[in-house]
Amino acid sequence: MPLLNKDEIYATFWLNDDFYEQNRRKGIKCAEVLVPRCVNCSYIIGAYVANTIALNNFRQISTLPVEIKGNMFF
């Protein structure tokens, strides 16, 4: 079993009738990746941003592919 479940991480809806299941899903959705030192830039292949302001700001600092996916941010 993989350590990360893409379906849960990228879920657009995490509410559930079961309070504990909803909190588990919300925790997965809100989780951060904590890196002790650095990530080599060769591992970064693109980005998602919340809106056009973020898109324009990102494009000023990077040529990586970028896509607006506002539903990922809350």
PDB file of N, CA and C in Angstrom:
ATOM      1  N   MET A   1       0.840  -1.181   0.000  1.00  0.00           N
ATOM      2  CA  MET A   1       0.000   0.000   0.000  1.00  0.00           C
ATOM      3  C   MET A   1       0.886   1.247   0.000  1.00  0.00           C
ATOM      4  N   PRO A   2       0.598   2.208  -0.907  1.00  0.00           N
ATOM      5  CA  PRO A   2       1.419   3.410  -0.943  1.00  0.00           C
ATOM      6  C   PRO A   2       1.216   4.256   0.312  1.00  0.00           C
ATOM      7  N   LEU A   3       2.234   5.024   0.651  1.00  0.00           N
ATOM      8  CA  LEU A   3       2.151   5.896   1.816  1.00  0.00           C
ATOM      9  C   LEU A   3       1.177   7.052   1.601  1.00  0.00           C
ATOM     10  N   LEU A   4       1.076   7.520   0.365  1.00  0.00           N
ATOM     11  CA  LEU A   4       0.185   8.629   0.043  1.00  0.00           C
ATOM     12  C   LEU A   4      -0.906   8.152  -0.909  1.00  0.00           C
ATOM     13  N   ASN A   5      -2.141   8.501  -0.606  1.00  0.00           N
ATOM     14  CA  ASN A   5      -3.273   8.118  -1.438  1.00  0.00           C
ATOM     15  C   ASN A   5      -3.721   9.356  -2.217  1.00  0.00           C
ATOM     16  N   LYS A   6      -3.449   9.370  -3.525  1.00  0.00           N
ATOM     17  CA  LYS A   6      -3.766  10.535  -4.353  1.00  0.00           C
ATOM     18  C   LYS A   6      -5.251  10.873  -4.331  1.00  0.00           C
ATOM     19  N   ASP A   7      -6.106   9.868  -4.308  1.00  0.00           N
ATOM     20  CA  ASP A   7      -7.546  10.128  -4.292  1.00  0.00           C
ATOM     21  C   ASP A   7      -7.960  10.908  -3.052  1.00  0.00           C
ATOM     22  N   GLU A   8      -7.356  10.598  -1.918  1.00  0.00           N
ATOM     23  CA  GLU A   8      -7.673  11.313  -0.687  1.00  0.00           C
ATOM     24  C   GLU A   8      -7.020  12.698  -0.662  1.00  0.00           C
ATOM     25  N   ILE A   9      -5.805  12.795  -1.125  1.00  0.00           N
ATOM     26  CA  ILE A   9      -5.087  14.072  -1.110  1.00  0.00           C
ATOM     27  C   ILE A   9      -5.773  15.093  -2.014  1.00  0.00           C
ATOM     28  N   TYR A  10      -6.193  14.667  -3.195  1.00  0.00           N
ATOM     29  CA  TYR A  10      -6.784  15.585  -4.165  1.00  0.00           C
ATOM     30  C   TYR A  10      -8.306  15.575  -4.152  1.00  0.00           C
ATOM     31  N   ALA A  11      -8.899  15.014  -3.125  1.00  0.00           N
ATOM     32  CA  ALA A  11     -10.362  14.996  -3.012  1.00  0.00           C
ATOM     33  C   ALA A  11     -10.895  16.427  -2.979  1.00  0.00           C
ATOM     34  N   THR A  12     -11.984  16.664  -3.670  1.00  0.00           N
ATOM     35  CA  THR A  12     -12.584  17.996  -3.664  1.00  0.00           C
ATOM     36  C   THR A  12     -13.664  18.108  -2.590  1.00  0.00           C
ATOM     37  N   PHE A  13     -14.008  16.996  -1.986  1.00  0.00           N
ATOM     38  CA  PHE A  13     -15.057  16.978  -0.965  1.00  0.00           C
ATOM     39  C   PHE A  13     -14.628  16.024   0.129  1.00  0.00           C
ATOM     40  N   TRP A  14     -14.533  16.490   1.352  1.00  0.00           N
ATOM     41  CA  TRP A  14     -14.058  15.635   2.440  1.00  0.00           C
ATOM     42  C   TRP A  14     -15.042  15.536   3.596  1.00  0.00           C
ATOM     43  N   LEU A  15     -16.218  16.191   3.460  1.00  0.00           N
ATOM     44  CA  LEU A  15     -17.215  16.098   4.523  1.00  0.00           C
ATOM     45  C   LEU A  15     -17.751  14.682   4.623  1.00  0.00           C
ATOM     46  N   ASN A  16     -18.121  14.282   5.840  1.00  0.00           N
ATOM     47  CA  ASN A  16     -18.630  12.930   6.068  1.00  0.00           C
ATOM     48  C   ASN A  16     -19.554  12.972   7.275  1.00  0.00           C
ATOM     49  N   ASP A  17     -20.570  12.122   7.280  1.00  0.00           N
ATOM     50  CA  ASP A  17     -21.501  12.061   8.410  1.00  0.00           C
ATOM     51  C   ASP A  17     -20.800  11.632   9.693  1.00  0.00           C
ATOM     52  N   ASP A  18     -19.760  10.846   9.562  1.00  0.00           N
ATOM     53  CA  ASP A  18     -18.990  10.383  10.722  1.00  0.00           C
ATOM     54  C   ASP A  18     -17.959  11.450  11.086  1.00  0.00           C
ATOM     55  N   PHE A  19     -18.072  12.026  12.269  1.00  0.00           N
ATOM     56  CA  PHE A  19     -17.203  13.111  12.724  1.00  0.00           C
ATOM     57  C   PHE A  19     -15.725  12.735  12.631  1.00  0.00           C
ATOM     58  N   TYR A  20     -15.376  11.526  13.049  1.00  0.00           N
ATOM     59  CA  TYR A  20     -13.969  11.098  13.057  1.00  0.00           C
ATOM     60  C   TYR A  20     -13.441  10.879  11.647  1.00  0.00           C
ATOM     61  N   GLU A  21     -14.277  10.322  10.777  1.00  0.00           N
ATOM     62  CA  GLU A  21     -13.863  10.128   9.381  1.00  0.00           C
ATOM     63  C   GLU A  21     -13.689  11.480   8.702  1.00  0.00           C
ATOM     64  N   GLN A  22     -14.580  12.414   8.970  1.00  0.00           N
ATOM     65  CA  GLN A  22     -14.458  13.748   8.383  1.00  0.00           C
ATOM     66  C   GLN A  22     -13.163  14.414   8.837  1.00  0.00           C
ATOM     67  N   ASN A  23     -12.822  14.296  10.109  1.00  0.00           N
ATOM     68  CA  ASN A  23     -11.571  14.882  10.602  1.00  0.00           C
ATOM     69  C   ASN A  23     -10.351  14.191  10.008  1.00  0.00           C
ATOM     70  N   ARG A  24     -10.428  12.888   9.795  1.00  0.00           N
ATOM     71  CA  ARG A  24      -9.319  12.163   9.172  1.00  0.00           C
ATOM     72  C   ARG A  24      -9.109  12.678   7.750  1.00  0.00           C
ATOM     73  N   ARG A  25     -10.216  12.804   7.009  1.00  0.00           N
ATOM     74  CA  ARG A  25     -10.123  13.287   5.626  1.00  0.00           C
ATOM     75  C   ARG A  25      -9.632  14.729   5.566  1.00  0.00           C
ATOM     76  N   LYS A  26     -10.135  15.562   6.464  1.00  0.00           N
ATOM     77  CA  LYS A  26      -9.720  16.958   6.500  1.00  0.00           C
ATOM     78  C   LYS A  26      -8.234  17.073   6.834  1.00  0.00           C
ATOM     79  N   GLY A  27      -7.766  16.220   7.749  1.00  0.00           N
ATOM     80  CA  GLY A  27      -6.345  16.221   8.100  1.00  0.00           C
ATOM     81  C   GLY A  27      -5.469  15.862   6.917  1.00  0.00           C
ATOM     82  N   ILE A  28      -5.926  14.919   6.111  1.00  0.00           N
ATOM     83  CA  ILE A  28      -5.175  14.532   4.910  1.00  0.00           C
ATOM     84  C   ILE A  28      -5.156  15.695   3.929  1.00  0.00           C
ATOM     85  N   LYS A  29      -6.302  16.328   3.753  1.00  0.00           N
ATOM     86  CA  LYS A  29      -6.410  17.441   2.808  1.00  0.00           C
ATOM     87  C   LYS A  29      -5.551  18.634   3.242  1.00  0.00           C
ATOM     88  N   CYS A  30      -5.443  18.861   4.536  1.00  0.00           N
ATOM     89  CA  CYS A  30      -4.717  20.025   5.061  1.00  0.00           C
ATOM     90  C   CYS A  30      -3.253  19.739   5.357  1.00  0.00           C
ATOM     91  N   ALA A  31      -2.822  18.517   5.191  1.00  0.00           N
ATOM     92  CA  ALA A  31      -1.455  18.144   5.567  1.00  0.00           C
ATOM     93  C   ALA A  31      -0.423  18.890   4.729  1.00  0.00           C
ATOM     94  N   GLU A  32       0.695  19.149   5.336  1.00  0.00           N
ATOM     95  CA  GLU A  32       1.820  19.768   4.654  1.00  0.00           C
ATOM     96  C   GLU A  32       2.936  18.744   4.512  1.00  0.00           C
ATOM     97  N   VAL A  33       3.801  19.001   3.579  1.00  0.00           N
ATOM     98  CA  VAL A  33       5.015  18.203   3.461  1.00  0.00           C
ATOM     99  C   VAL A  33       6.115  19.006   4.125  1.00  0.00           C
ATOM    100  N   LEU A  34       6.703  18.444   5.151  1.00  0.00           N
ATOM    101  CA  LEU A  34       7.781  19.130   5.855  1.00  0.00           C
ATOM    102  C   LEU A  34       9.118  18.535   5.419  1.00  0.00           C
ATOM    103  N   VAL A  35       9.984  19.389   4.920  1.00  0.00           N
ATOM    104  CA  VAL A  35      11.274  18.966   4.393  1.00  0.00           C
ATOM    105  C   VAL A  35      12.358  19.517   5.306  1.00  0.00           C
ATOM    106  N   PRO A  36      13.237  18.655   5.831  1.00  0.00           N
ATOM    107  CA  PRO A  36      14.231  19.125   6.805  1.00  0.00           C
ATOM    108  C   PRO A  36      15.256  20.106   6.230  1.00  0.00           C
ATOM    109  N   ARG A  37      15.630  19.985   4.980  1.00  0.00           N
ATOM    110  CA  ARG A  37      16.654  20.878   4.430  1.00  0.00           C
ATOM    111  C   ARG A  37      16.180  21.533   3.135  1.00  0.00           C
ATOM    112  N   CYS A  38      16.137  20.783   2.057  1.00  0.00           N
ATOM    113  CA  CYS A  38      15.703  21.361   0.777  1.00  0.00           C
ATOM    114  C   CYS A  38      15.234  20.261  -0.165  1.00  0.00           C
ATOM    115  N   VAL A  39      14.529  20.665  -1.190  1.00  0.00           N
ATOM    116  CA  VAL A  39      14.107  19.766  -2.262  1.00  0.00           C
ATOM    117  C   VAL A  39      14.815  20.242  -3.524  1.00  0.00           C
ATOM    118  N   ASN A  40      15.501  19.343  -4.178  1.00  0.00           N
ATOM    119  CA  ASN A  40      16.174  19.695  -5.422  1.00  0.00           C
ATOM    120  C   ASN A  40      15.121  20.171  -6.420  1.00  0.00           C
ATOM    121  N   CYS A  41      15.370  21.284  -7.071  1.00  0.00           N
ATOM    122  CA  CYS A  41      14.379  21.862  -7.982  1.00  0.00           C
ATOM    123  C   CYS A  41      14.028  20.934  -9.142  1.00  0.00           C
ATOM    124  N   SER A  42      14.851  19.960  -9.443  1.00  0.00           N
ATOM    125  CA  SER A  42      14.545  19.029 -10.532  1.00  0.00           C
ATOM    126  C   SER A  42      13.334  18.146 -10.217  1.00  0.00           C
ATOM    127  N   TYR A  43      12.953  18.074  -8.944  1.00  0.00           N
ATOM    128  CA  TYR A  43      11.786  17.292  -8.548  1.00  0.00           C
ATOM    129  C   TYR A  43      10.475  18.082  -8.692  1.00  0.00           C
ATOM    130  N   ILE A  44      10.567  19.370  -8.860  1.00  0.00           N
ATOM    131  CA  ILE A  44       9.367  20.203  -8.978  1.00  0.00           C
ATOM    132  C   ILE A  44       9.018  20.335 -10.450  1.00  0.00           C
ATOM    133  N   ILE A  45       7.831  19.863 -10.813  1.00  0.00           N
ATOM    134  CA  ILE A  45       7.453  19.826 -12.224  1.00  0.00           C
ATOM    135  C   ILE A  45       6.358  20.825 -12.586  1.00  0.00           C
ATOM    136  N   GLY A  46       5.801  21.507 -11.607  1.00  0.00           N
ATOM    137  CA  GLY A  46       4.755  22.483 -11.876  1.00  0.00           C
ATOM    138  C   GLY A  46       4.094  22.914 -10.590  1.00  0.00           C
ATOM    139  N   ALA A  47       3.035  23.718 -10.745  1.00  0.00           N
ATOM    140  CA  ALA A  47       2.365  24.240  -9.558  1.00  0.00           C
ATOM    141  C   ALA A  47       0.885  24.471  -9.828  1.00  0.00           C
ATOM    142  N   TYR A  48       0.109  24.428  -8.759  1.00  0.00           N
ATOM    143  CA  TYR A  48      -1.283  24.853  -8.768  1.00  0.00           C
ATOM    144  C   TYR A  48      -1.358  26.129  -7.949  1.00  0.00           C
ATOM    145  N   VAL A  49      -2.159  27.070  -8.406  1.00  0.00           N
ATOM    146  CA  VAL A  49      -2.358  28.318  -7.672  1.00  0.00           C
ATOM    147  C   VAL A  49      -3.851  28.569  -7.515  1.00  0.00           C
ATOM    148  N   ALA A  50      -4.193  29.489  -6.602  1.00  0.00           N
ATOM    149  CA  ALA A  50      -5.595  29.714  -6.249  1.00  0.00           C
ATOM    150  C   ALA A  50      -6.338  30.625  -7.222  1.00  0.00           C
ATOM    151  N   ASN A  51      -5.626  31.570  -7.850  1.00  0.00           N
ATOM    152  CA  ASN A  51      -6.340  32.565  -8.666  1.00  0.00           C
ATOM    153  C   ASN A  51      -5.379  33.240  -9.639  1.00  0.00           C
ATOM    154  N   THR A  52      -5.908  34.194 -10.405  1.00  0.00           N
ATOM    155  CA  THR A  52      -5.074  34.851 -11.420  1.00  0.00           C
ATOM    156  C   THR A  52      -3.974  35.717 -10.811  1.00  0.00           C
ATOM    157  N   ILE A  53      -4.223  36.290  -9.639  1.00  0.00           N
ATOM    158  CA  ILE A  53      -3.172  37.075  -8.976  1.00  0.00           C
ATOM    159  C   ILE A  53      -1.980  36.169  -8.665  1.00  0.00           C
ATOM    160  N   ALA A  54      -2.267  35.007  -8.079  1.00  0.00           N
ATOM    161  CA  ALA A  54      -1.189  34.057  -7.773  1.00  0.00           C
ATOM    162  C   ALA A  54      -0.539  33.545  -9.051  1.00  0.00           C
ATOM    163  N   LEU A  55      -1.332  33.331 -10.085  1.00  0.00           N
ATOM    164  CA  LEU A  55      -0.800  32.877 -11.375  1.00  0.00           C
ATOM    165  C   LEU A  55       0.204  33.891 -11.917  1.00  0.00           C
ATOM    166  N   ASN A  56      -0.171  35.153 -11.925  1.00  0.00           N
ATOM    167  CA  ASN A  56       0.727  36.196 -12.434  1.00  0.00           C
ATOM    168  C   ASN A  56       1.976  36.313 -11.583  1.00  0.00           C
ATOM    169  N   ASN A  57       1.842  36.224 -10.275  1.00  0.00           N
ATOM    170  CA  ASN A  57       3.011  36.275  -9.390  1.00  0.00           C
ATOM    171  C   ASN A  57       3.939  35.091  -9.633  1.00  0.00           C
ATOM    172  N   PHE A  58       3.355  33.910  -9.796  1.00  0.00           N
ATOM    173  CA  PHE A  58       4.163  32.712 -10.037  1.00  0.00           C
ATOM    174  C   PHE A  58       4.929  32.842 -11.349  1.00  0.00           C
ATOM    175  N   ARG A  59       4.247  33.329 -12.374  1.00  0.00           N
ATOM    176  CA  ARG A  59       4.891  33.453 -13.688  1.00  0.00           C
ATOM    177  C   ARG A  59       6.037  34.462 -13.688  1.00  0.00           C
ATOM    178  N   GLN A  60       6.043  35.377 -12.727  1.00  0.00           N
ATOM    179  CA  GLN A  60       7.150  36.334 -12.621  1.00  0.00           C
ATOM    180  C   GLN A  60       8.420  35.682 -12.078  1.00  0.00           C
ATOM    181  N   ILE A  61       8.268  34.559 -11.376  1.00  0.00           N
ATOM    182  CA  ILE A  61       9.443  33.933 -10.757  1.00  0.00           C
ATOM    183  C   ILE A  61       9.787  32.562 -11.327  1.00  0.00           C
ATOM    184  N   SER A  62       8.927  32.031 -12.223  1.00  0.00           N
ATOM    185  CA  SER A  62       9.175  30.676 -12.710  1.00  0.00           C
ATOM    186  C   SER A  62       8.635  30.484 -14.112  1.00  0.00           C
ATOM    187  N   THR A  63       9.280  29.559 -14.840  1.00  0.00           N
ATOM    188  CA  THR A  63       8.787  29.164 -16.159  1.00  0.00           C
ATOM    189  C   THR A  63       8.129  27.784 -16.108  1.00  0.00           C
ATOM    190  N   LEU A  64       7.981  27.239 -14.913  1.00  0.00           N
ATOM    191  CA  LEU A  64       7.331  25.933 -14.767  1.00  0.00           C
ATOM    192  C   LEU A  64       5.863  26.010 -15.166  1.00  0.00           C
ATOM    193  N   PRO A  65       5.287  24.892 -15.603  1.00  0.00           N
ATOM    194  CA  PRO A  65       3.849  24.878 -15.872  1.00  0.00           C
ATOM    195  C   PRO A  65       3.071  25.223 -14.600  1.00  0.00           C
ATOM    196  N   VAL A  66       2.017  26.019 -14.768  1.00  0.00           N
ATOM    197  CA  VAL A  66       1.202  26.432 -13.624  1.00  0.00           C
ATOM    198  C   VAL A  66      -0.265  26.428 -14.050  1.00  0.00           C
ATOM    199  N   GLU A  67      -1.125  26.041 -13.124  1.00  0.00           N
ATOM    200  CA  GLU A  67      -2.548  25.933 -13.421  1.00  0.00           C
ATOM    201  C   GLU A  67      -3.355  26.472 -12.242  1.00  0.00           C
ATOM    202  N   ILE A  68      -4.409  27.213 -12.558  1.00  0.00           N
ATOM    203  CA  ILE A  68      -5.309  27.681 -11.508  1.00  0.00           C
ATOM    204  C   ILE A  68      -6.226  26.539 -11.110  1.00  0.00           C
ATOM    205  N   LYS A  69      -6.227  26.227  -9.829  1.00  0.00           N
ATOM    206  CA  LYS A  69      -7.126  25.217  -9.259  1.00  0.00           C
ATOM    207  C   LYS A  69      -7.608  25.755  -7.909  1.00  0.00           C
ATOM    208  N   GLY A  70      -8.474  26.733  -7.971  1.00  0.00           N
ATOM    209  CA  GLY A  70      -8.944  27.412  -6.779  1.00  0.00           C
ATOM    210  C   GLY A  70      -9.591  26.506  -5.768  1.00  0.00           C
ATOM    211  N   ASN A  71     -10.202  25.405  -6.234  1.00  0.00           N
ATOM    212  CA  ASN A  71     -10.877  24.481  -5.294  1.00  0.00           C
ATOM    213  C   ASN A  71      -9.902  23.729  -4.400  1.00  0.00           C
ATOM    214  N   MET A  72      -8.616  23.795  -4.706  1.00  0.00           N
ATOM    215  CA  MET A  72      -7.620  23.136  -3.851  1.00  0.00           C
ATOM    216  C   MET A  72      -7.290  23.976  -2.623  1.00  0.00           C
ATOM    217  N   PHE A  73      -7.656  25.242  -2.668  1.00  0.00           N
ATOM    218  CA  PHE A  73      -7.305  26.178  -1.603  1.00  0.00           C
ATOM    219  C   PHE A  73      -8.571  26.619  -0.885  1.00  0.00           C
ATOM    220  N   PHE A  74      -8.491  26.656   0.443  1.00  0.00           N
ATOM    221  CA  PHE A  74      -9.684  27.042   1.203  1.00  0.00           C
ATOM    222  C   PHE A  74      -9.293  27.803   2.434  1.00  0.00           C
TER     223      PHE A  74
END
